[in-house]
Amino acid sequence: MGVAVGGVILDESLLLASNSPQHENPSLQPVADSLLRKLRHSKIPTGISCDVGLSDDKVSLLKRLATLYSFDCFILNESSVDDAKNEIMLAWGDTGGSILYVVSDKKKEFFPKLSNCGWLIVVLRSLGQESAAEGVVRVQTCGITKGLTTLYNKRKR
């Protein structure tokens, strides 16, 4: 039997183009917009997580995206997992399922802490192994948003 997905959190490492220099305007992965649209239309509670060490420009872009797509934006790093879990519960209530956290493998040091909180973690390889954009395309083409929508809707009945 499968696990019900009650919400999705997309890590900033998945959405932001990694080739954006720190001092320039940040940009998104080319296919991020399409994934965000699909998740918005799925009606699955969705959030964007960002690390405390991000530049103000990147945080601002992520918050604008969250507002544009009616998502939540959460601060999430290794030392704030418990705080983030509480914030997510306040924002989404009882989701009735597990949180699916989608992240690039750039944050390997973070995974043990996340796996202890009962979330489902999807890790996409970072540049050098495959581009994060290809990973986002793969997430889309494998029908994750359609599958998540089906799981979410079945749980709501």
Protein backbone atom coordinates (compact mmCIF):
# COMPACT_ATOMS: atom_id res chain seq x y z
CA MET A 1 0.00 0.00 0.00
CA GLY A 2 1.30 3.47 -0.89
CA VAL A 3 1.82 6.45 1.33
CA ALA A 4 -0.60 9.36 1.01
CA VAL A 5 1.02 12.67 0.15
CA GLY A 6 -0.46 15.53 2.15
CA GLY A 7 1.77 18.33 0.89
CA VAL A 8 4.79 19.16 -1.23
CA ILE A 9 7.77 21.32 -0.34
CA LEU A 10 10.15 22.37 -3.10
CA ASP A 11 13.61 23.33 -1.94
CA GLU A 12 15.13 26.52 -3.34
CA SER A 13 18.08 24.48 -4.62
CA LEU A 14 15.69 22.87 -7.08
CA LEU A 15 14.10 26.09 -8.30
CA LEU A 16 16.95 28.58 -8.52
CA ALA A 17 19.40 28.46 -11.42
CA SER A 18 22.71 27.46 -9.92
CA ASN A 19 24.66 29.54 -12.42
CA SER A 20 23.26 32.79 -11.02
CA PRO A 21 26.20 34.63 -9.45
CA GLN A 22 25.57 35.85 -5.92
CA HIS A 23 25.78 39.52 -6.96
CA GLU A 24 23.44 39.33 -9.98
CA ASN A 25 19.69 39.06 -10.13
CA PRO A 26 18.73 35.46 -9.39
CA SER A 27 16.95 33.41 -12.01
CA LEU A 28 14.88 30.24 -12.06
CA GLN A 29 15.57 26.91 -13.65
CA PRO A 30 14.02 27.05 -17.14
CA VAL A 31 11.28 24.52 -16.38
CA ALA A 32 10.54 25.59 -12.80
CA ASP A 33 7.60 27.78 -13.83
CA SER A 34 5.83 24.85 -15.49
CA LEU A 35 6.23 22.65 -12.41
CA LEU A 36 4.96 25.43 -10.14
CA ARG A 37 1.88 25.93 -12.33
CA LYS A 38 1.08 22.22 -12.29
CA LEU A 39 1.40 22.04 -8.54
CA ARG A 40 -0.81 25.11 -8.08
CA HIS A 41 -3.54 23.54 -10.21
CA SER A 42 -3.22 20.23 -8.35
CA LYS A 43 -4.56 21.90 -5.18
CA ILE A 44 -2.02 19.98 -3.11
CA PRO A 45 -0.70 22.15 -0.27
CA THR A 46 2.67 23.32 -1.58
CA GLY A 47 5.49 25.31 -0.11
CA ILE A 48 8.87 26.63 -1.14
CA SER A 49 11.68 26.28 1.36
CA CYS A 50 14.66 28.57 1.56
CA ASP A 51 17.80 28.53 3.63
CA VAL A 52 18.73 31.32 6.02
CA GLY A 53 21.99 31.98 4.17
CA LEU A 54 20.37 33.00 0.87
CA SER A 55 20.87 36.48 -0.52
CA ASP A 56 18.03 38.95 -0.05
CA ASP A 57 17.43 38.94 -3.83
CA LYS A 58 16.97 35.17 -3.89
CA VAL A 59 14.68 35.19 -0.86
CA SER A 60 12.66 37.99 -2.43
CA LEU A 61 12.29 36.01 -5.68
CA LEU A 62 11.19 32.89 -3.82
CA LYS A 63 8.65 34.85 -1.75
CA ARG A 64 7.27 36.46 -4.93
CA LEU A 65 6.91 33.00 -6.48
CA ALA A 66 5.15 31.70 -3.39
CA THR A 67 2.71 34.62 -3.51
CA LEU A 68 2.18 34.32 -7.27
CA TYR A 69 1.34 30.61 -7.07
CA SER A 70 -0.50 30.78 -3.72
CA PHE A 71 2.15 28.66 -2.01
CA ASP A 72 3.69 29.05 1.41
CA CYS A 73 7.32 29.98 1.94
CA PHE A 74 9.21 28.33 4.81
CA ILE A 75 12.68 28.89 6.24
CA LEU A 76 14.26 25.46 6.42
CA ASN A 77 17.80 24.51 7.29
CA GLU A 78 19.51 21.87 9.36
CA SER A 79 19.04 23.73 12.63
CA SER A 80 15.42 24.76 12.01
CA VAL A 81 13.71 21.52 10.97
CA ASP A 82 11.57 21.31 14.11
CA ASP A 83 10.56 24.98 13.82
CA ALA A 84 9.71 24.48 10.15
CA LYS A 85 7.61 21.39 10.92
CA ASN A 86 5.63 23.43 13.45
CA GLU A 87 5.23 26.30 11.00
CA ILE A 88 4.02 23.90 8.29
CA MET A 89 1.48 22.36 10.69
CA LEU A 90 0.19 25.85 11.54
CA ALA A 91 -0.07 26.79 7.86
CA TRP A 92 -1.55 23.53 6.52
CA GLY A 93 -3.15 21.90 9.54
CA ASP A 94 -3.37 18.12 9.50
CA THR A 95 -2.44 17.20 5.94
CA GLY A 96 -3.63 13.63 6.36
CA GLY A 97 -0.47 12.36 4.72
CA SER A 98 3.27 12.68 4.47
CA ILE A 99 5.13 15.74 3.29
CA LEU A 100 7.02 15.21 0.02
CA TYR A 101 10.24 17.23 0.09
CA VAL A 102 11.94 17.69 -3.30
CA VAL A 103 15.57 18.84 -3.10
CA SER A 104 18.80 18.74 -5.07
CA ASP A 105 21.66 16.65 -3.76
CA LYS A 106 23.60 19.83 -2.97
CA LYS A 107 22.13 19.60 0.52
CA LYS A 108 23.33 16.09 1.41
CA GLU A 109 24.25 17.10 4.95
CA PHE A 110 20.62 17.99 5.54
CA PHE A 111 19.09 14.61 4.61
CA PRO A 112 19.60 12.68 7.88
CA LYS A 113 17.75 15.35 9.86
CA LEU A 114 14.89 15.38 7.34
CA SER A 115 14.57 11.61 7.17
CA ASN A 116 14.03 11.57 10.94
CA CYS A 117 10.92 13.75 10.65
CA GLY A 118 8.95 11.24 8.58
CA TRP A 119 8.95 13.14 5.29
CA LEU A 120 9.26 11.52 1.89
CA ILE A 121 12.41 12.91 0.30
CA VAL A 122 13.03 13.07 -3.44
CA VAL A 123 16.63 13.95 -4.25
CA LEU A 124 17.60 15.22 -7.69
CA ARG A 125 21.22 15.18 -8.78
CA SER A 126 22.94 18.53 -9.11
CA LEU A 127 25.07 19.94 -11.90
CA GLY A 128 27.99 17.78 -12.92
CA GLN A 129 25.88 14.67 -12.64
CA GLU A 130 22.83 15.95 -14.45
CA SER A 131 21.37 19.40 -14.51
CA ALA A 132 18.73 20.29 -11.97
CA ALA A 133 16.62 21.46 -14.91
CA GLU A 134 16.73 17.94 -16.36
CA GLY A 135 15.74 16.66 -12.95
CA VAL A 136 12.73 18.99 -12.85
CA VAL A 137 11.77 17.84 -16.35
CA ARG A 138 12.06 14.25 -15.18
CA VAL A 139 9.86 15.01 -12.16
CA GLN A 140 7.28 16.48 -14.54
CA THR A 141 7.48 13.78 -17.19
CA CYS A 142 7.17 10.93 -14.72
CA GLY A 143 3.75 12.36 -13.90
CA ILE A 144 4.50 13.31 -10.34
CA THR A 145 1.96 16.12 -10.27
CA LYS A 146 -0.74 13.90 -11.78
CA GLY A 147 0.10 11.07 -9.39
CA LEU A 148 0.22 13.38 -6.40
CA THR A 149 -3.09 14.93 -7.37
CA THR A 150 -4.67 11.48 -7.57
CA LEU A 151 -3.28 10.48 -4.16
CA TYR A 152 -4.31 13.79 -2.64
CA ASN A 153 -7.85 13.64 -4.07
CA LYS A 154 -8.36 10.03 -2.93
CA ARG A 155 -7.31 11.01 0.57
CA LYS A 156 -9.79 13.93 0.59
CA ARG A 157 -12.80 11.70 -0.18
